[in-house]
Amino acid sequence: METMLNIEYLTSQDGEAIAVVIPIALWRQLLPDEESSLEELGEAVEDYCLNKAMNEAVNTPLL
């Protein structure tokens, strides 16, 4: 069974979310190359989310 990630949000004094803090292991999984572009980051996050959803679907019993 997979554990939950410790993702945190930084907020302004007004309580608005201004940044997301993720574990460095996840960051390195999303962007193994420090020279990656914002487009590559977006694609990596999309791929990561799709893979997580597919893994969850495989582990979910059929209705």
C-alpha atoms as a PDB file:
ATOM      1  CA  MET A   1       0.000   0.000   0.000  1.00  0.00           C
ATOM      2  CA  GLU A   2       1.307   3.453  -0.893  1.00  0.00           C
ATOM      3  CA  THR A   3       1.727   6.165   1.731  1.00  0.00           C
ATOM      4  CA  MET A   4       0.386   9.683   1.407  1.00  0.00           C
ATOM      5  CA  LEU A   5       2.794  12.428   0.429  1.00  0.00           C
ATOM      6  CA  ASN A   6       3.518  15.258   2.803  1.00  0.00           C
ATOM      7  CA  ILE A   7       2.482  18.219   0.638  1.00  0.00           C
ATOM      8  CA  GLU A   8       2.212  21.594   2.344  1.00  0.00           C
ATOM      9  CA  TYR A   9       1.030  25.039   1.284  1.00  0.00           C
ATOM     10  CA  LEU A  10       2.685  28.348   2.097  1.00  0.00           C
ATOM     11  CA  THR A  11       0.212  31.141   2.676  1.00  0.00           C
ATOM     12  CA  SER A  12       0.347  34.905   2.750  1.00  0.00           C
ATOM     13  CA  GLN A  13      -0.606  36.893   5.840  1.00  0.00           C
ATOM     14  CA  ASP A  14      -4.098  37.081   4.326  1.00  0.00           C
ATOM     15  CA  GLY A  15      -4.341  33.288   4.267  1.00  0.00           C
ATOM     16  CA  GLU A  16      -4.029  32.990   0.482  1.00  0.00           C
ATOM     17  CA  ALA A  17      -2.028  30.031  -0.834  1.00  0.00           C
ATOM     18  CA  ILE A  18       1.113  31.373  -2.510  1.00  0.00           C
ATOM     19  CA  ALA A  19       3.279  28.257  -2.915  1.00  0.00           C
ATOM     20  CA  VAL A  20       3.297  24.482  -2.624  1.00  0.00           C
ATOM     21  CA  VAL A  21       6.014  22.526  -0.830  1.00  0.00           C
ATOM     22  CA  ILE A  22       6.543  18.939  -2.011  1.00  0.00           C
ATOM     23  CA  PRO A  23       9.071  16.299  -0.973  1.00  0.00           C
ATOM     24  CA  ILE A  24      12.339  16.528  -2.917  1.00  0.00           C
ATOM     25  CA  ALA A  25      11.987  12.868  -3.981  1.00  0.00           C
ATOM     26  CA  LEU A  26       8.758  13.723  -5.808  1.00  0.00           C
ATOM     27  CA  TRP A  27      10.328  16.843  -7.321  1.00  0.00           C
ATOM     28  CA  ARG A  28      13.217  14.756  -8.669  1.00  0.00           C
ATOM     29  CA  GLN A  29      10.757  12.218 -10.054  1.00  0.00           C
ATOM     30  CA  LEU A  30       8.883  14.976 -11.895  1.00  0.00           C
ATOM     31  CA  LEU A  31      11.976  16.861 -13.053  1.00  0.00           C
ATOM     32  CA  PRO A  32      15.085  14.692 -13.083  1.00  0.00           C
ATOM     33  CA  ASP A  33      16.862  17.318 -15.226  1.00  0.00           C
ATOM     34  CA  GLU A  34      17.431  20.732 -13.642  1.00  0.00           C
ATOM     35  CA  GLU A  35      17.291  22.326 -17.105  1.00  0.00           C
ATOM     36  CA  SER A  36      13.610  21.388 -17.622  1.00  0.00           C
ATOM     37  CA  SER A  37      11.165  23.987 -18.929  1.00  0.00           C
ATOM     38  CA  LEU A  38       7.791  24.966 -17.469  1.00  0.00           C
ATOM     39  CA  GLU A  39       6.143  23.038 -20.304  1.00  0.00           C
ATOM     40  CA  GLU A  40       8.090  19.904 -19.352  1.00  0.00           C
ATOM     41  CA  LEU A  41       7.094  20.400 -15.714  1.00  0.00           C
ATOM     42  CA  GLY A  42       3.428  20.644 -16.709  1.00  0.00           C
ATOM     43  CA  GLU A  43       3.679  17.480 -18.780  1.00  0.00           C
ATOM     44  CA  ALA A  44       5.488  15.638 -15.981  1.00  0.00           C
ATOM     45  CA  VAL A  45       2.814  16.608 -13.427  1.00  0.00           C
ATOM     46  CA  GLU A  46       0.077  15.543 -15.853  1.00  0.00           C
ATOM     47  CA  ASP A  47       1.802  12.188 -16.455  1.00  0.00           C
ATOM     48  CA  TYR A  48       2.299  11.676 -12.718  1.00  0.00           C
ATOM     49  CA  CYS A  49      -1.374  12.365 -11.964  1.00  0.00           C
ATOM     50  CA  LEU A  50      -2.564  10.119 -14.792  1.00  0.00           C
ATOM     51  CA  ASN A  51      -0.335   7.278 -13.585  1.00  0.00           C
ATOM     52  CA  LYS A  52      -1.590   7.700 -10.011  1.00  0.00           C
ATOM     53  CA  ALA A  53      -5.218   7.585 -11.218  1.00  0.00           C
ATOM     54  CA  MET A  54      -4.549   4.492 -13.328  1.00  0.00           C
ATOM     55  CA  ASN A  55      -2.853   2.725 -10.401  1.00  0.00           C
ATOM     56  CA  GLU A  56      -5.774   3.594  -8.138  1.00  0.00           C
ATOM     57  CA  ALA A  57      -8.246   2.274 -10.725  1.00  0.00           C
ATOM     58  CA  VAL A  58      -6.370  -1.034 -10.918  1.00  0.00           C
ATOM     59  CA  ASN A  59      -6.550  -1.391  -7.127  1.00  0.00           C
ATOM     60  CA  THR A  60     -10.253  -0.468  -6.907  1.00  0.00           C
ATOM     61  CA  PRO A  61     -12.780  -3.317  -6.970  1.00  0.00           C
ATOM     62  CA  LEU A  62     -15.329  -3.227  -9.767  1.00  0.00           C
ATOM     63  CA  LEU A  63     -18.789  -1.993  -8.807  1.00  0.00           C
END
